[in-house]
All heavy atoms as atom14 arrays in JSON, in Angstrom:
{
  "sequence": "MSAALIAWLHYVALCVLFSVLVAEHLLFDDMASAA",
  "atom14_mask": [
    [1, 1, 1, 1, 1, 1, 1, 1, 0, 0, 0, 0, 0, 0],
    [1, 1, 1, 1, 1, 1, 0, 0, 0, 0, 0, 0, 0, 0],
    [1, 1, 1, 1, 1, 0, 0, 0, 0, 0, 0, 0, 0, 0],
    [1, 1, 1, 1, 1, 0, 0, 0, 0, 0, 0, 0, 0, 0],
    [1, 1, 1, 1, 1, 1, 1, 1, 0, 0, 0, 0, 0, 0],
    [1, 1, 1, 1, 1, 1, 1, 1, 0, 0, 0, 0, 0, 0],
    [1, 1, 1, 1, 1, 0, 0, 0, 0, 0, 0, 0, 0, 0],
    [1, 1, 1, 1, 1, 1, 1, 1, 1, 1, 1, 1, 1, 1],
    [1, 1, 1, 1, 1, 1, 1, 1, 0, 0, 0, 0, 0, 0],
    [1, 1, 1, 1, 1, 1, 1, 1, 1, 1, 0, 0, 0, 0],
    [1, 1, 1, 1, 1, 1, 1, 1, 1, 1, 1, 1, 0, 0],
    [1, 1, 1, 1, 1, 1, 1, 0, 0, 0, 0, 0, 0, 0],
    [1, 1, 1, 1, 1, 0, 0, 0, 0, 0, 0, 0, 0, 0],
    [1, 1, 1, 1, 1, 1, 1, 1, 0, 0, 0, 0, 0, 0],
    [1, 1, 1, 1, 1, 1, 0, 0, 0, 0, 0, 0, 0, 0],
    [1, 1, 1, 1, 1, 1, 1, 0, 0, 0, 0, 0, 0, 0],
    [1, 1, 1, 1, 1, 1, 1, 1, 0, 0, 0, 0, 0, 0],
    [1, 1, 1, 1, 1, 1, 1, 1, 1, 1, 1, 0, 0, 0],
    [1, 1, 1, 1, 1, 1, 0, 0, 0, 0, 0, 0, 0, 0],
    [1, 1, 1, 1, 1, 1, 1, 0, 0, 0, 0, 0, 0, 0],
    [1, 1, 1, 1, 1, 1, 1, 1, 0, 0, 0, 0, 0, 0],
    [1, 1, 1, 1, 1, 1, 1, 0, 0, 0, 0, 0, 0, 0],
    [1, 1, 1, 1, 1, 0, 0, 0, 0, 0, 0, 0, 0, 0],
    [1, 1, 1, 1, 1, 1, 1, 1, 1, 0, 0, 0, 0, 0],
    [1, 1, 1, 1, 1, 1, 1, 1, 1, 1, 0, 0, 0, 0],
    [1, 1, 1, 1, 1, 1, 1, 1, 0, 0, 0, 0, 0, 0],
    [1, 1, 1, 1, 1, 1, 1, 1, 0, 0, 0, 0, 0, 0],
    [1, 1, 1, 1, 1, 1, 1, 1, 1, 1, 1, 0, 0, 0],
    [1, 1, 1, 1, 1, 1, 1, 1, 0, 0, 0, 0, 0, 0],
    [1, 1, 1, 1, 1, 1, 1, 1, 0, 0, 0, 0, 0, 0],
    [1, 1, 1, 1, 1, 1, 1, 1, 0, 0, 0, 0, 0, 0],
    [1, 1, 1, 1, 1, 0, 0, 0, 0, 0, 0, 0, 0, 0],
    [1, 1, 1, 1, 1, 1, 0, 0, 0, 0, 0, 0, 0, 0],
    [1, 1, 1, 1, 1, 0, 0, 0, 0, 0, 0, 0, 0, 0],
    [1, 1, 1, 1, 1, 0, 0, 0, 0, 0, 0, 0, 0, 0]
  ],
  "atom14_positions": [
    [[0.86, -1.18, 0.0], [0.0, 0.0, 0.0], [0.9, 1.24, 0.0], [1.87, 1.31, 0.73], [-0.89, -0.04, 1.24], [-2.02, 0.94, 1.19], [-3.15, 0.95, 2.6], [-3.64, -0.72, 2.79], [0.0, 0.0, 0.0], [0.0, 0.0, 0.0], [0.0, 0.0, 0.0], [0.0, 0.0, 0.0], [0.0, 0.0, 0.0], [0.0, 0.0, 0.0]],
    [[0.55, 2.2, -0.79], [1.39, 3.39, -0.92], [1.31, 4.27, 0.33], [0.31, 4.26, 1.06], [0.98, 4.2, -2.14], [-0.19, 4.95, -1.87], [0.0, 0.0, 0.0], [0.0, 0.0, 0.0], [0.0, 0.0, 0.0], [0.0, 0.0, 0.0], [0.0, 0.0, 0.0], [0.0, 0.0, 0.0], [0.0, 0.0, 0.0], [0.0, 0.0, 0.0]],
    [[2.37, 5.02, 0.56], [2.43, 5.91, 1.72], [1.31, 6.95, 1.67], [0.75, 7.32, 2.71], [3.8, 6.59, 1.78], [0.0, 0.0, 0.0], [0.0, 0.0, 0.0], [0.0, 0.0, 0.0], [0.0, 0.0, 0.0], [0.0, 0.0, 0.0], [0.0, 0.0, 0.0], [0.0, 0.0, 0.0], [0.0, 0.0, 0.0], [0.0, 0.0, 0.0]],
    [[0.99, 7.42, 0.46], [-0.08, 8.42, 0.33], [-1.44, 7.83, 0.72], [-2.23, 8.5, 1.41], [-0.13, 8.95, -1.11], [0.0, 0.0, 0.0], [0.0, 0.0, 0.0], [0.0, 0.0, 0.0], [0.0, 0.0, 0.0], [0.0, 0.0, 0.0], [0.0, 0.0, 0.0], [0.0, 0.0, 0.0], [0.0, 0.0, 0.0], [0.0, 0.0, 0.0]],
    [[-1.7, 6.6, 0.32], [-2.97, 5.97, 0.67], [-3.05, 5.72, 2.18], [-4.1, 5.94, 2.8], [-3.14, 4.65, -0.1], [-4.45, 3.9, 0.14], [-5.65, 4.77, -0.2], [-4.47, 2.62, -0.67], [0.0, 0.0, 0.0], [0.0, 0.0, 0.0], [0.0, 0.0, 0.0], [0.0, 0.0, 0.0], [0.0, 0.0, 0.0], [0.0, 0.0, 0.0]],
    [[-1.96, 5.29, 2.77], [-1.93, 5.07, 4.22], [-2.19, 6.38, 4.95], [-2.97, 6.43, 5.91], [-0.59, 4.44, 4.66], [-0.46, 3.02, 4.1], [-0.46, 4.43, 6.17], [0.92, 2.41, 4.27], [0.0, 0.0, 0.0], [0.0, 0.0, 0.0], [0.0, 0.0, 0.0], [0.0, 0.0, 0.0], [0.0, 0.0, 0.0], [0.0, 0.0, 0.0]],
    [[-1.53, 7.45, 4.5], [-1.73, 8.77, 5.13], [-3.19, 9.2, 5.0], [-3.78, 9.69, 5.97], [-0.8, 9.8, 4.49], [0.0, 0.0, 0.0], [0.0, 0.0, 0.0], [0.0, 0.0, 0.0], [0.0, 0.0, 0.0], [0.0, 0.0, 0.0], [0.0, 0.0, 0.0], [0.0, 0.0, 0.0], [0.0, 0.0, 0.0], [0.0, 0.0, 0.0]],
    [[-3.76, 9.01, 3.82], [-5.16, 9.39, 3.6], [-6.09, 8.61, 4.53], [-6.99, 9.19, 5.16], [-5.53, 9.15, 2.13], [-6.96, 9.46, 1.84], [-7.52, 10.68, 1.69], [-8.01, 8.5, 1.69], [-8.87, 10.55, 1.44], [-9.2, 9.22, 1.43], [-8.08, 7.12, 1.73], [-10.42, 8.6, 1.24], [-9.3, 6.49, 1.53], [-10.45, 7.24, 1.29]],
    [[-5.88, 7.29, 4.64], [-6.7, 6.48, 5.54], [-6.55, 6.93, 6.99], [-7.52, 6.96, 7.75], [-6.34, 5.0, 5.4], [-6.75, 4.32, 4.1], [-6.13, 2.93, 4.0], [-8.26, 4.26, 3.97], [0.0, 0.0, 0.0], [0.0, 0.0, 0.0], [0.0, 0.0, 0.0], [0.0, 0.0, 0.0], [0.0, 0.0, 0.0], [0.0, 0.0, 0.0]],
    [[-5.34, 7.3, 7.35], [-5.08, 7.8, 8.71], [-5.88, 9.09, 8.95], [-6.54, 9.23, 9.98], [-3.58, 8.04, 8.87], [-3.14, 8.36, 10.26], [-3.24, 7.47, 11.31], [-2.57, 9.48, 10.79], [-2.76, 8.02, 12.41], [-2.35, 9.24, 12.12], [0.0, 0.0, 0.0], [0.0, 0.0, 0.0], [0.0, 0.0, 0.0], [0.0, 0.0, 0.0]],
    [[-5.85, 10.0, 8.0], [-6.58, 11.27, 8.14], [-8.09, 11.05, 8.17], [-8.79, 11.71, 8.95], [-6.22, 12.25, 7.02], [-4.77, 12.66, 7.02], [-4.09, 12.87, 5.82], [-4.05, 12.83, 8.2], [-2.76, 13.25, 5.8], [-2.72, 13.2, 8.19], [-2.07, 13.4, 6.99], [-0.76, 13.77, 6.98], [0.0, 0.0, 0.0], [0.0, 0.0, 0.0]],
    [[-8.58, 10.14, 7.34], [-10.02, 9.85, 7.35], [-10.43, 9.28, 8.7], [-11.44, 9.7, 9.29], [-10.4, 8.88, 6.2], [-11.81, 8.35, 6.37], [-10.25, 9.58, 4.85], [0.0, 0.0, 0.0], [0.0, 0.0, 0.0], [0.0, 0.0, 0.0], [0.0, 0.0, 0.0], [0.0, 0.0, 0.0], [0.0, 0.0, 0.0], [0.0, 0.0, 0.0]],
    [[-9.64, 8.34, 9.23], [-9.95, 7.75, 10.54], [-9.92, 8.82, 11.63], [-10.78, 8.82, 12.53], [-8.97, 6.62, 10.85], [0.0, 0.0, 0.0], [0.0, 0.0, 0.0], [0.0, 0.0, 0.0], [0.0, 0.0, 0.0], [0.0, 0.0, 0.0], [0.0, 0.0, 0.0], [0.0, 0.0, 0.0], [0.0, 0.0, 0.0], [0.0, 0.0, 0.0]],
    [[-8.97, 9.75, 11.55], [-8.91, 10.85, 12.52], [-10.16, 11.72, 12.43], [-10.72, 12.12, 13.45], [-7.66, 11.7, 12.28], [-6.33, 11.08, 12.71], [-5.16, 11.85, 12.1], [-6.23, 11.04, 14.22], [0.0, 0.0, 0.0], [0.0, 0.0, 0.0], [0.0, 0.0, 0.0], [0.0, 0.0, 0.0], [0.0, 0.0, 0.0], [0.0, 0.0, 0.0]],
    [[-10.58, 12.02, 11.21], [-11.79, 12.85, 11.02], [-13.02, 12.15, 11.58], [-13.86, 12.78, 12.24], [-11.99, 13.17, 9.54], [-10.79, 14.33, 8.89], [0.0, 0.0, 0.0], [0.0, 0.0, 0.0], [0.0, 0.0, 0.0], [0.0, 0.0, 0.0], [0.0, 0.0, 0.0], [0.0, 0.0, 0.0], [0.0, 0.0, 0.0], [0.0, 0.0, 0.0]],
    [[-13.14, 10.85, 11.32], [-14.28, 10.09, 11.84], [-14.24, 10.09, 13.36], [-15.26, 10.33, 14.02], [-14.3, 8.65, 11.27], [-15.32, 7.78, 11.99], [-14.58, 8.67, 9.78], [0.0, 0.0, 0.0], [0.0, 0.0, 0.0], [0.0, 0.0, 0.0], [0.0, 0.0, 0.0], [0.0, 0.0, 0.0], [0.0, 0.0, 0.0], [0.0, 0.0, 0.0]],
    [[-13.07, 9.83, 13.92], [-12.93, 9.78, 15.38], [-13.39, 11.1, 16.01], [-14.21, 11.1, 16.93], [-11.47, 9.48, 15.75], [-11.19, 9.19, 17.22], [-10.07, 8.17, 17.33], [-10.8, 10.43, 17.96], [0.0, 0.0, 0.0], [0.0, 0.0, 0.0], [0.0, 0.0, 0.0], [0.0, 0.0, 0.0], [0.0, 0.0, 0.0], [0.0, 0.0, 0.0]],
    [[-12.89, 12.21, 15.51], [-13.26, 13.5, 16.09], [-14.74, 13.8, 15.85], [-15.43, 14.3, 16.76], [-12.39, 14.63, 15.55], [-12.56, 15.9, 16.32], [-12.09, 16.02, 17.61], [-13.2, 16.99, 15.76], [-12.25, 17.19, 18.35], [-13.38, 18.17, 16.48], [-12.89, 18.27, 17.77], [0.0, 0.0, 0.0], [0.0, 0.0, 0.0], [0.0, 0.0, 0.0]],
    [[-15.24, 13.5, 14.68], [-16.66, 13.75, 14.37], [-17.57, 12.97, 15.31], [-18.58, 13.51, 15.78], [-16.97, 13.35, 12.92], [-16.23, 14.13, 12.03], [0.0, 0.0, 0.0], [0.0, 0.0, 0.0], [0.0, 0.0, 0.0], [0.0, 0.0, 0.0], [0.0, 0.0, 0.0], [0.0, 0.0, 0.0], [0.0, 0.0, 0.0], [0.0, 0.0, 0.0]],
    [[-17.21, 11.74, 15.59], [-18.04, 10.92, 16.48], [-17.97, 11.46, 17.91], [-18.98, 11.49, 18.61], [-17.63, 9.43, 16.4], [-18.33, 8.61, 17.47], [-17.95, 8.87, 15.02], [0.0, 0.0, 0.0], [0.0, 0.0, 0.0], [0.0, 0.0, 0.0], [0.0, 0.0, 0.0], [0.0, 0.0, 0.0], [0.0, 0.0, 0.0], [0.0, 0.0, 0.0]],
    [[-16.79, 11.89, 18.33], [-16.68, 12.5, 19.67], [-17.58, 13.72, 19.78], [-18.3, 13.9, 20.77], [-15.24, 12.92, 19.96], [-14.3, 11.87, 20.51], [-12.89, 12.42, 20.6], [-14.78, 11.39, 21.87], [0.0, 0.0, 0.0], [0.0, 0.0, 0.0], [0.0, 0.0, 0.0], [0.0, 0.0, 0.0], [0.0, 0.0, 0.0], [0.0, 0.0, 0.0]],
    [[-17.57, 14.56, 18.76], [-18.42, 15.76, 18.76], [-19.89, 15.36, 18.76], [-20.69, 15.92, 19.52], [-18.08, 16.68, 17.57], [-19.12, 17.79, 17.42], [-16.69, 17.26, 17.72], [0.0, 0.0, 0.0], [0.0, 0.0, 0.0], [0.0, 0.0, 0.0], [0.0, 0.0, 0.0], [0.0, 0.0, 0.0], [0.0, 0.0, 0.0], [0.0, 0.0, 0.0]],
    [[-20.25, 14.37, 17.95], [-21.65, 13.92, 17.9], [-22.09, 13.36, 19.25], [-23.19, 13.69, 19.73], [-21.81, 12.85, 16.82], [0.0, 0.0, 0.0], [0.0, 0.0, 0.0], [0.0, 0.0, 0.0], [0.0, 0.0, 0.0], [0.0, 0.0, 0.0], [0.0, 0.0, 0.0], [0.0, 0.0, 0.0], [0.0, 0.0, 0.0], [0.0, 0.0, 0.0]],
    [[-21.25, 12.55, 19.88], [-21.61, 12.03, 21.2], [-21.8, 13.17, 22.2], [-22.75, 13.16, 22.99], [-20.51, 11.1, 21.73], [-20.57, 9.7, 21.18], [-19.55, 8.78, 21.84], [-18.72, 9.22, 22.64], [-19.62, 7.57, 21.54], [0.0, 0.0, 0.0], [0.0, 0.0, 0.0], [0.0, 0.0, 0.0], [0.0, 0.0, 0.0], [0.0, 0.0, 0.0]],
    [[-20.9, 14.14, 22.14], [-20.99, 15.27, 23.06], [-22.27, 16.07, 22.85], [-22.96, 16.44, 23.8], [-19.77, 16.17, 22.87], [-19.75, 17.34, 23.8], [-20.22, 18.58, 23.42], [-19.34, 17.47, 25.07], [-20.1, 19.41, 24.44], [-19.55, 18.77, 25.45], [0.0, 0.0, 0.0], [0.0, 0.0, 0.0], [0.0, 0.0, 0.0], [0.0, 0.0, 0.0]],
    [[-22.6, 16.33, 21.59], [-23.8, 17.12, 21.29], [-25.09, 16.37, 21.61], [-26.07, 16.97, 22.05], [-23.8, 17.54, 19.82], [-22.73, 18.56, 19.42], [-22.74, 18.77, 17.91], [-22.91, 19.87, 20.17], [0.0, 0.0, 0.0], [0.0, 0.0, 0.0], [0.0, 0.0, 0.0], [0.0, 0.0, 0.0], [0.0, 0.0, 0.0], [0.0, 0.0, 0.0]],
    [[-25.09, 15.06, 21.4], [-26.3, 14.27, 21.62], [-26.48, 13.85, 23.08], [-27.59, 13.55, 23.5], [-26.29, 13.01, 20.75], [-26.46, 13.21, 19.26], [-26.27, 11.89, 18.52], [-27.83, 13.8, 18.96], [0.0, 0.0, 0.0], [0.0, 0.0, 0.0], [0.0, 0.0, 0.0], [0.0, 0.0, 0.0], [0.0, 0.0, 0.0], [0.0, 0.0, 0.0]],
    [[-25.4, 13.82, 23.83], [-25.45, 13.26, 25.17], [-26.47, 13.98, 26.06], [-26.56, 15.2, 26.08], [-24.07, 13.33, 25.85], [-24.09, 12.75, 27.24], [-24.04, 11.38, 27.41], [-24.2, 13.55, 28.35], [-24.09, 10.82, 28.67], [-24.24, 13.01, 29.62], [-24.18, 11.64, 29.78], [0.0, 0.0, 0.0], [0.0, 0.0, 0.0], [0.0, 0.0, 0.0]],
    [[-27.23, 13.16, 26.76], [-28.16, 13.64, 27.77], [-28.14, 12.61, 28.9], [-28.19, 11.41, 28.63], [-29.58, 13.77, 27.19], [-30.54, 14.48, 28.12], [-30.19, 14.73, 29.28], [-31.66, 14.77, 27.68], [0.0, 0.0, 0.0], [0.0, 0.0, 0.0], [0.0, 0.0, 0.0], [0.0, 0.0, 0.0], [0.0, 0.0, 0.0], [0.0, 0.0, 0.0]],
    [[-28.05, 13.07, 30.13], [-27.96, 12.12, 31.24], [-29.25, 11.33, 31.43], [-29.24, 10.27, 32.05], [-27.52, 12.8, 32.53], [-28.42, 13.93, 32.95], [-29.01, 14.58, 32.08], [-28.5, 14.18, 34.17], [0.0, 0.0, 0.0], [0.0, 0.0, 0.0], [0.0, 0.0, 0.0], [0.0, 0.0, 0.0], [0.0, 0.0, 0.0], [0.0, 0.0, 0.0]],
    [[-30.36, 11.8, 30.9], [-31.62, 11.06, 30.92], [-31.97, 10.73, 29.46], [-32.74, 11.43, 28.82], [-32.73, 11.9, 31.55], [-32.49, 12.23, 33.01], [-32.56, 10.79, 34.07], [-34.3, 10.49, 34.1], [0.0, 0.0, 0.0], [0.0, 0.0, 0.0], [0.0, 0.0, 0.0], [0.0, 0.0, 0.0], [0.0, 0.0, 0.0], [0.0, 0.0, 0.0]],
    [[-31.39, 9.67, 28.95], [-31.52, 9.34, 27.53], [-32.73, 8.45, 27.28], [-32.96, 7.46, 27.99], [-30.25, 8.63, 27.04], [0.0, 0.0, 0.0], [0.0, 0.0, 0.0], [0.0, 0.0, 0.0], [0.0, 0.0, 0.0], [0.0, 0.0, 0.0], [0.0, 0.0, 0.0], [0.0, 0.0, 0.0], [0.0, 0.0, 0.0], [0.0, 0.0, 0.0]],
    [[-33.47, 8.8, 26.25], [-34.56, 7.93, 25.81], [-33.95, 6.66, 25.23], [-32.73, 6.59, 25.0], [-35.38, 8.64, 24.73], [-34.57, 8.82, 23.56], [0.0, 0.0, 0.0], [0.0, 0.0, 0.0], [0.0, 0.0, 0.0], [0.0, 0.0, 0.0], [0.0, 0.0, 0.0], [0.0, 0.0, 0.0], [0.0, 0.0, 0.0], [0.0, 0.0, 0.0]],
    [[-34.77, 5.68, 24.97], [-34.28, 4.43, 24.41], [-33.6, 4.68, 23.07], [-32.52, 4.13, 22.79], [-35.43, 3.44, 24.25], [0.0, 0.0, 0.0], [0.0, 0.0, 0.0], [0.0, 0.0, 0.0], [0.0, 0.0, 0.0], [0.0, 0.0, 0.0], [0.0, 0.0, 0.0], [0.0, 0.0, 0.0], [0.0, 0.0, 0.0], [0.0, 0.0, 0.0]],
    [[-34.2, 5.53, 22.25], [-33.61, 5.81, 20.93], [-32.25, 6.5, 21.07], [-31.3, 6.15, 20.36], [-34.57, 6.68, 20.12], [0.0, 0.0, 0.0], [0.0, 0.0, 0.0], [0.0, 0.0, 0.0], [0.0, 0.0, 0.0], [0.0, 0.0, 0.0], [0.0, 0.0, 0.0], [0.0, 0.0, 0.0], [0.0, 0.0, 0.0], [0.0, 0.0, 0.0]]
  ]
}
């Protein structure tokens, strides 16, 4: 696998990781409905 493709996959994974953290933070409620 080329270095450029590995770097790209790394950046995509980083973006997903941060996006999910932000989504969890925004959606979080201490009294969560089932959904």
